[in-house]
């Protein structure tokens, strides 16, 4: 399952592979850095996993 986000630097769309980048069986926040595929700047990705396994994604500089 993939989730799209907008790069906070250049505004281009990026993609996070929730199946391989995130442990959906562990509720709570998971934080990692992913470089933008367009501008190559590092984005801090926070994935909040709920107890039912649903995930919400936020991206910051």
N, C-alpha and C. Protein backbone atom coordinates (compact mmCIF):
# COMPACT_ATOMS: atom_id res chain seq x y z
N UNK A 1 0.85 -1.16 0.00
CA UNK A 1 0.00 0.00 0.00
C UNK A 1 0.91 1.24 0.00
N UNK A 2 0.63 2.19 -0.85
CA UNK A 2 1.42 3.40 -0.96
C UNK A 2 0.59 4.60 -0.49
N UNK A 3 1.31 5.59 0.00
CA UNK A 3 0.67 6.85 0.39
C UNK A 3 1.47 7.98 -0.25
N UNK A 4 0.77 8.95 -0.80
CA UNK A 4 1.42 10.08 -1.45
C UNK A 4 1.56 11.23 -0.47
N UNK A 5 2.61 12.03 -0.66
CA UNK A 5 2.81 13.22 0.14
C UNK A 5 3.37 14.32 -0.74
N UNK A 6 3.33 15.55 -0.25
CA UNK A 6 3.89 16.68 -0.98
C UNK A 6 5.19 17.10 -0.31
N UNK A 7 6.25 17.22 -1.09
CA UNK A 7 7.55 17.64 -0.56
C UNK A 7 7.42 19.05 0.01
N UNK A 8 7.86 19.27 1.26
CA UNK A 8 7.76 20.60 1.85
C UNK A 8 8.73 21.61 1.23
N UNK A 9 9.68 21.16 0.44
CA UNK A 9 10.66 22.05 -0.18
C UNK A 9 10.23 22.47 -1.59
N UNK A 10 9.93 21.49 -2.45
CA UNK A 10 9.67 21.81 -3.85
C UNK A 10 8.21 21.64 -4.26
N UNK A 11 7.40 21.01 -3.40
CA UNK A 11 5.98 20.85 -3.69
C UNK A 11 5.62 19.68 -4.59
N UNK A 12 6.62 18.94 -5.04
CA UNK A 12 6.34 17.78 -5.88
C UNK A 12 5.80 16.62 -5.05
N UNK A 13 5.05 15.74 -5.69
CA UNK A 13 4.50 14.57 -5.01
C UNK A 13 5.58 13.52 -4.81
N UNK A 14 5.52 12.91 -3.65
CA UNK A 14 6.41 11.79 -3.33
C UNK A 14 5.56 10.61 -2.90
N UNK A 15 6.20 9.49 -2.69
CA UNK A 15 5.47 8.27 -2.37
C UNK A 15 6.16 7.53 -1.24
N UNK A 16 5.36 7.02 -0.31
CA UNK A 16 5.86 6.20 0.79
C UNK A 16 5.22 4.83 0.64
N UNK A 17 6.04 3.80 0.67
CA UNK A 17 5.55 2.43 0.60
C UNK A 17 5.27 1.96 2.02
N UNK A 18 4.01 2.04 2.44
CA UNK A 18 3.65 1.70 3.81
C UNK A 18 3.91 0.24 4.13
N UNK A 19 3.86 -0.64 3.14
CA UNK A 19 4.08 -2.06 3.40
C UNK A 19 5.52 -2.36 3.76
N UNK A 20 6.48 -1.67 3.14
CA UNK A 20 7.88 -1.98 3.42
C UNK A 20 8.56 -0.97 4.34
N UNK A 21 8.07 0.28 4.39
CA UNK A 21 8.72 1.33 5.18
C UNK A 21 8.19 1.43 6.61
N UNK A 22 7.02 0.86 6.88
CA UNK A 22 6.34 1.05 8.16
C UNK A 22 5.87 -0.29 8.70
N UNK A 23 5.95 -0.44 10.04
CA UNK A 23 5.41 -1.62 10.71
C UNK A 23 3.98 -1.30 11.14
N UNK A 24 3.01 -1.72 10.35
CA UNK A 24 1.60 -1.41 10.62
C UNK A 24 1.04 -2.21 11.79
N UNK A 25 1.82 -3.15 12.33
CA UNK A 25 1.38 -3.93 13.49
C UNK A 25 1.82 -3.28 14.81
N UNK A 26 2.55 -2.17 14.74
CA UNK A 26 3.04 -1.49 15.94
C UNK A 26 2.40 -0.11 16.05
N UNK A 27 1.34 0.02 16.85
CA UNK A 27 0.70 1.32 17.00
C UNK A 27 1.66 2.37 17.57
N UNK A 28 1.45 3.61 17.17
CA UNK A 28 2.28 4.71 17.63
C UNK A 28 2.92 5.44 16.47
N UNK A 29 3.84 6.35 16.79
CA UNK A 29 4.51 7.13 15.76
C UNK A 29 5.80 6.45 15.31
N UNK A 30 6.01 6.44 14.01
CA UNK A 30 7.25 5.95 13.43
C UNK A 30 7.81 7.09 12.58
N UNK A 31 9.05 7.46 12.83
CA UNK A 31 9.66 8.61 12.18
C UNK A 31 10.89 8.16 11.42
N UNK A 32 11.02 8.63 10.17
CA UNK A 32 12.20 8.34 9.38
C UNK A 32 12.42 9.47 8.38
N UNK A 33 13.58 9.49 7.76
CA UNK A 33 13.92 10.52 6.79
C UNK A 33 13.93 9.89 5.40
N UNK A 34 13.30 10.57 4.46
CA UNK A 34 13.25 10.11 3.07
C UNK A 34 13.58 11.29 2.17
N UNK A 35 14.53 11.10 1.27
CA UNK A 35 14.90 12.17 0.34
C UNK A 35 13.85 12.31 -0.74
N UNK A 36 13.55 13.55 -1.11
CA UNK A 36 12.63 13.82 -2.21
C UNK A 36 13.25 13.31 -3.51
N UNK A 37 12.48 12.63 -4.32
CA UNK A 37 12.98 12.08 -5.58
C UNK A 37 13.25 13.18 -6.61
N UNK A 38 12.70 14.38 -6.41
CA UNK A 38 12.87 15.47 -7.37
C UNK A 38 14.00 16.41 -6.95
N UNK A 39 13.91 16.97 -5.73
CA UNK A 39 14.91 17.96 -5.31
C UNK A 39 16.01 17.37 -4.42
N UNK A 40 15.86 16.11 -4.02
CA UNK A 40 16.85 15.36 -3.23
C UNK A 40 17.04 15.89 -1.81
N UNK A 41 16.18 16.77 -1.35
CA UNK A 41 16.31 17.28 0.02
C UNK A 41 15.63 16.31 0.99
N UNK A 42 16.15 16.22 2.22
CA UNK A 42 15.61 15.26 3.18
C UNK A 42 14.30 15.74 3.80
N UNK A 43 13.32 14.86 3.81
CA UNK A 43 12.02 15.13 4.41
C UNK A 43 11.86 14.21 5.63
N UNK A 44 11.39 14.77 6.74
CA UNK A 44 11.11 13.97 7.92
C UNK A 44 9.68 13.46 7.81
N UNK A 45 9.54 12.16 7.74
CA UNK A 45 8.24 11.52 7.57
C UNK A 45 7.81 10.94 8.92
N UNK A 46 6.61 11.31 9.36
CA UNK A 46 6.03 10.74 10.57
C UNK A 46 4.79 9.97 10.18
N UNK A 47 4.78 8.69 10.53
CA UNK A 47 3.61 7.84 10.26
C UNK A 47 3.01 7.48 11.61
N UNK A 48 1.76 7.87 11.80
CA UNK A 48 1.05 7.54 13.04
C UNK A 48 0.15 6.34 12.75
N UNK A 49 0.44 5.23 13.43
CA UNK A 49 -0.31 4.00 13.24
C UNK A 49 -1.30 3.85 14.40
N UNK A 50 -2.56 3.74 14.06
CA UNK A 50 -3.62 3.56 15.07
C UNK A 50 -3.68 2.10 15.50
N UNK A 51 -4.39 1.85 16.58
CA UNK A 51 -4.51 0.50 17.12
C UNK A 51 -5.14 -0.46 16.12
N UNK A 52 -5.99 0.07 15.21
CA UNK A 52 -6.63 -0.80 14.22
C UNK A 52 -5.78 -0.99 12.96
N UNK A 53 -4.55 -0.44 12.95
CA UNK A 53 -3.64 -0.64 11.83
C UNK A 53 -3.73 0.42 10.74
N UNK A 54 -4.65 1.38 10.88
CA UNK A 54 -4.70 2.45 9.89
C UNK A 54 -3.56 3.43 10.14
N UNK A 55 -3.08 4.04 9.07
CA UNK A 55 -1.93 4.92 9.19
C UNK A 55 -2.24 6.30 8.59
N UNK A 56 -1.70 7.33 9.25
CA UNK A 56 -1.75 8.69 8.69
C UNK A 56 -0.31 9.18 8.59
N UNK A 57 -0.05 9.94 7.54
CA UNK A 57 1.31 10.37 7.23
C UNK A 57 1.40 11.88 7.26
N UNK A 58 2.46 12.41 7.87
CA UNK A 58 2.76 13.83 7.79
C UNK A 58 4.25 13.97 7.43
N UNK A 59 4.56 15.02 6.67
CA UNK A 59 5.92 15.24 6.19
C UNK A 59 6.32 16.67 6.51
N UNK A 60 7.51 16.82 7.09
CA UNK A 60 8.04 18.12 7.46
C UNK A 60 9.47 18.24 6.93
N UNK A 61 9.98 19.47 7.04
CA UNK A 61 11.37 19.71 6.65
C UNK A 61 12.31 19.11 7.66
